[in-house]
Amino acid sequence: MSRRWIWLWSLLYLVAAVAFAAYEVVQNPFWKFNVRTIGETVGGGLAVYGASAVLPLIAWGFARFRQQVARPVFVAWLLIGMTFAYFADAGKRMDRTASKARLPSNSVFSGKDRGDFEQSVRLGCEQAQRADPLTAKIGISEAKITVYCECMSAGLAEAISLDELRYAVSNGKPPASLLDKRATMGQFCLHEALRN
C-alpha cells in the first residue's frame, strides 16, 4: 500500500466518522443547526475516528510503520470503528426512544408560529435561569443555559397540544398535562446541557 493510499484511506475514515456523527446529531428530535451541533458533529466524528485508530496504530508502530503491513492495520481500524459506531448508535437510539416515549408529539405549531413560540419560550427560560440565585451559586455557564433553554423551547413547541394551548391562554396558567411534559423535557434538557 503506497503512502498516497494510506493518506486517502485515512481521510475516507475521517469523513465516514464525521458523517456518522452528523447522522447521530440529526436523530435527536430537538436538534437545530447551530454552533453546538457543529461541535457535536466534529467532536463525535473525531472521537470515533481516534478511538478506533488507537489499537491498530499501536500494532502498526510495533511493525515500524512499514507500508507492507498497512492493509491489515486499516482493516482492523475499519472493523473497530464499525463496532464502536454500532454500540454508540445502539445506546443513543435507546435514549432517544425513551425520551420520545415520555413526550408524545402533537404540536400545533409550524413555520413562523413555531419559531415565534420557541423564541418566546427560550427568552423566558433564559431570563428565569439567569435570575435564579442558584444558577450563580452553582456556577452554571451561559453556554449551558443556552443549550438548556434551546432544548426546552424546541421540545415544548413539539409537545404542546391545541387543548393545552387554549387552556393556558384562557386560564393564565398551563394545564397539569403541560406541566408534566415540561418536567419530563426539563430532565432531558438538563442532561443535554450538562453533557456539553
Protein backbone atom coordinates (compact mmCIF):
# COMPACT_ATOMS: atom_id res chain seq x y z
CA MET A 1 0.00 0.00 0.00
CA SER A 2 1.56 3.30 -1.09
CA ARG A 3 1.70 6.44 1.06
CA ARG A 4 -0.87 8.08 -1.16
CA TRP A 5 -3.34 5.26 -0.49
CA ILE A 6 -2.60 5.38 3.23
CA TRP A 7 -3.46 9.10 3.32
CA LEU A 8 -6.52 8.55 1.16
CA TRP A 9 -7.87 5.75 3.39
CA SER A 10 -7.18 7.82 6.50
CA LEU A 11 -9.13 10.72 5.01
CA LEU A 12 -12.01 8.43 3.98
CA TYR A 13 -12.21 7.04 7.53
CA LEU A 14 -12.32 10.57 8.92
CA VAL A 15 -15.10 11.58 6.51
CA ALA A 16 -17.07 8.43 7.39
CA ALA A 17 -16.66 9.09 11.13
CA VAL A 18 -17.85 12.70 10.81
CA ALA A 19 -20.78 11.56 8.63
CA PHE A 20 -21.74 9.04 11.31
CA ALA A 21 -21.56 11.75 13.99
CA ALA A 22 -23.73 14.06 11.85
CA TYR A 23 -26.27 11.26 11.47
CA GLU A 24 -26.36 10.83 15.25
CA VAL A 25 -26.87 14.56 15.81
CA VAL A 26 -29.81 14.85 13.42
CA GLN A 27 -31.52 11.84 15.01
CA ASN A 28 -32.21 13.96 18.09
CA PRO A 29 -35.81 15.16 17.57
CA PHE A 30 -34.94 18.59 19.00
CA TRP A 31 -31.72 19.29 17.11
CA LYS A 32 -31.09 22.65 15.47
CA PHE A 33 -28.30 23.72 13.16
CA ASN A 34 -26.06 25.86 15.33
CA VAL A 35 -22.53 26.00 16.70
CA ARG A 36 -23.35 23.32 19.28
CA THR A 37 -24.46 20.78 16.68
CA ILE A 38 -21.42 21.53 14.53
CA GLY A 39 -19.23 20.94 17.58
CA GLU A 40 -21.06 17.69 18.39
CA THR A 41 -20.63 16.52 14.81
CA VAL A 42 -16.93 17.32 14.57
CA GLY A 43 -16.18 16.14 18.12
CA GLY A 44 -18.19 12.94 17.73
CA GLY A 45 -16.52 12.20 14.40
CA LEU A 46 -13.04 12.75 15.80
CA ALA A 47 -13.89 10.58 18.81
CA VAL A 48 -14.94 7.63 16.63
CA TYR A 49 -12.01 8.18 14.28
CA GLY A 50 -9.42 8.48 17.05
CA ALA A 51 -10.76 5.83 19.43
CA SER A 52 -10.96 3.21 16.72
CA ALA A 53 -7.45 4.03 15.49
CA VAL A 54 -5.59 3.57 18.78
CA LEU A 55 -5.06 -0.21 18.79
CA PRO A 56 -4.36 -0.61 15.05
CA LEU A 57 -1.84 2.25 15.11
CA ILE A 58 -0.08 0.84 18.17
CA ALA A 59 0.18 -2.51 16.38
CA TRP A 60 1.44 -0.76 13.26
CA GLY A 61 4.00 1.08 15.39
CA PHE A 62 5.39 -2.28 16.54
CA ALA A 63 5.79 -3.11 12.85
CA ARG A 64 7.72 0.18 12.46
CA PHE A 65 5.01 1.67 10.24
CA ARG A 66 6.06 -0.39 7.24
CA GLN A 67 3.79 0.15 4.25
CA GLN A 68 3.53 -3.61 3.64
CA VAL A 69 1.62 -4.01 6.94
CA ALA A 70 -0.77 -1.11 6.31
CA ARG A 71 -3.58 -3.17 4.77
CA PRO A 72 -4.34 -5.32 7.88
CA VAL A 73 -3.99 -2.21 10.05
CA PHE A 74 -6.64 -0.39 8.04
CA VAL A 75 -8.93 -3.43 8.02
CA ALA A 76 -8.65 -3.68 11.82
CA TRP A 77 -9.23 0.08 12.10
CA LEU A 78 -12.38 -0.22 9.98
CA LEU A 79 -13.76 -3.17 11.98
CA ILE A 80 -13.09 -1.50 15.34
CA GLY A 81 -14.63 1.76 14.07
CA MET A 82 -17.75 -0.02 12.83
CA THR A 83 -18.12 -1.86 16.14
CA PHE A 84 -17.64 1.35 18.11
CA ALA A 85 -20.18 3.18 15.93
CA TYR A 86 -22.70 0.33 16.23
CA PHE A 87 -22.65 0.35 20.02
CA ALA A 88 -22.68 4.16 20.19
CA ASP A 89 -25.73 4.23 17.91
CA ALA A 90 -27.49 1.47 19.87
CA GLY A 91 -27.06 3.38 23.14
CA LYS A 92 -28.21 6.69 21.69
CA ARG A 93 -31.16 5.01 20.00
CA MET A 94 -32.31 3.63 23.35
CA ASP A 95 -32.01 7.10 24.91
CA ARG A 96 -33.96 8.69 22.06
CA THR A 97 -36.68 6.04 22.23
CA ALA A 98 -37.09 6.53 25.98
CA SER A 99 -37.24 10.31 25.57
CA LYS A 100 -39.78 10.15 22.75
CA ALA A 101 -41.95 7.65 24.62
CA ARG A 102 -42.20 10.03 27.57
CA LEU A 103 -43.09 13.01 25.42
CA PRO A 104 -45.72 12.45 22.71
CA SER A 105 -45.66 14.74 19.71
CA ASN A 106 -48.87 16.60 18.95
CA SER A 107 -47.61 20.09 18.25
CA VAL A 108 -49.94 22.74 16.94
CA PHE A 109 -47.14 24.93 15.63
CA SER A 110 -45.41 25.11 12.28
CA GLY A 111 -43.37 27.63 10.35
CA LYS A 112 -43.20 31.18 11.69
CA ASP A 113 -45.62 30.45 14.55
CA ARG A 114 -43.36 27.70 15.79
CA GLY A 115 -40.30 29.95 15.53
CA ASP A 116 -42.07 32.71 17.45
CA PHE A 117 -43.23 30.29 20.15
CA GLU A 118 -39.74 28.79 20.52
CA GLN A 119 -38.15 32.25 20.73
CA SER A 120 -40.64 33.35 23.37
CA VAL A 121 -40.11 30.21 25.49
CA ARG A 122 -36.32 30.41 25.07
CA LEU A 123 -36.15 34.07 26.12
CA GLY A 124 -38.37 33.44 29.15
CA CYS A 125 -36.34 30.39 30.09
CA GLU A 126 -33.02 32.26 29.80
CA GLN A 127 -34.34 35.15 31.92
CA ALA A 128 -35.60 32.74 34.59
CA GLN A 129 -32.31 30.82 34.65
CA ARG A 130 -30.22 33.98 34.95
CA ALA A 131 -32.48 35.39 37.68
CA ASP A 132 -32.30 32.19 39.74
CA PRO A 133 -29.74 32.74 42.57
CA LEU A 134 -28.87 29.03 42.46
CA THR A 135 -27.52 29.48 38.92
CA ALA A 136 -24.79 31.82 40.14
CA LYS A 137 -24.04 29.71 43.24
CA ILE A 138 -23.55 26.54 41.22
CA GLY A 139 -21.69 28.42 38.51
CA ILE A 140 -23.82 27.39 35.54
CA SER A 141 -22.33 28.92 32.41
CA GLU A 142 -24.15 30.98 29.78
CA ALA A 143 -23.45 28.22 27.26
CA LYS A 144 -25.23 25.63 29.41
CA ILE A 145 -28.18 27.97 29.97
CA THR A 146 -28.43 28.47 26.19
CA VAL A 147 -28.30 24.72 25.49
CA TYR A 148 -30.90 24.01 28.17
CA CYS A 149 -33.29 26.74 27.03
CA GLU A 150 -32.96 25.90 23.31
CA CYS A 151 -33.76 22.28 24.13
CA MET A 152 -36.74 23.27 26.28
CA SER A 153 -38.19 25.62 23.67
CA ALA A 154 -37.86 23.08 20.84
CA GLY A 155 -39.26 20.29 22.99
CA LEU A 156 -42.26 22.24 24.22
CA ALA A 157 -43.02 23.50 20.71
CA GLU A 158 -43.09 19.87 19.61
CA ALA A 159 -45.10 18.55 22.56
CA ILE A 160 -47.79 21.16 23.23
CA SER A 161 -51.31 20.36 22.05
CA LEU A 162 -54.03 22.74 20.90
CA ASP A 163 -56.13 21.98 24.00
CA GLU A 164 -53.19 22.75 26.29
CA LEU A 165 -52.53 26.00 24.47
CA ARG A 166 -56.18 27.04 24.73
CA TYR A 167 -56.26 26.20 28.43
CA ALA A 168 -53.09 28.21 29.11
CA VAL A 169 -54.39 31.24 27.22
CA SER A 170 -57.85 31.23 28.84
CA ASN A 171 -56.69 30.43 32.41
CA GLY A 172 -53.40 32.29 32.50
CA LYS A 173 -51.53 29.18 33.63
CA PRO A 174 -50.53 25.91 31.96
CA PRO A 175 -52.62 22.74 32.48
CA ALA A 176 -51.28 19.84 34.54
CA SER A 177 -50.56 17.80 31.39
CA LEU A 178 -48.28 20.54 30.06
CA LEU A 179 -46.54 20.84 33.43
CA ASP A 180 -45.85 17.09 33.29
CA LYS A 181 -44.43 17.43 29.78
CA ARG A 182 -42.32 20.38 30.90
CA ALA A 183 -40.91 18.36 33.83
CA THR A 184 -40.04 15.45 31.54
CA MET A 185 -38.49 17.79 28.98
CA GLY A 186 -36.61 19.57 31.78
CA GLN A 187 -34.91 16.33 32.84
CA PHE A 188 -33.96 15.52 29.25
CA CYS A 189 -32.68 19.05 28.57
CA LEU A 190 -30.76 19.21 31.83
CA HIS A 191 -28.95 16.03 30.81
CA GLU A 192 -28.23 17.56 27.38
CA ALA A 193 -26.90 20.80 28.92
CA LEU A 194 -24.68 19.04 31.47
CA ARG A 195 -23.34 16.70 28.80
CA ASN A 196 -21.92 19.64 26.83
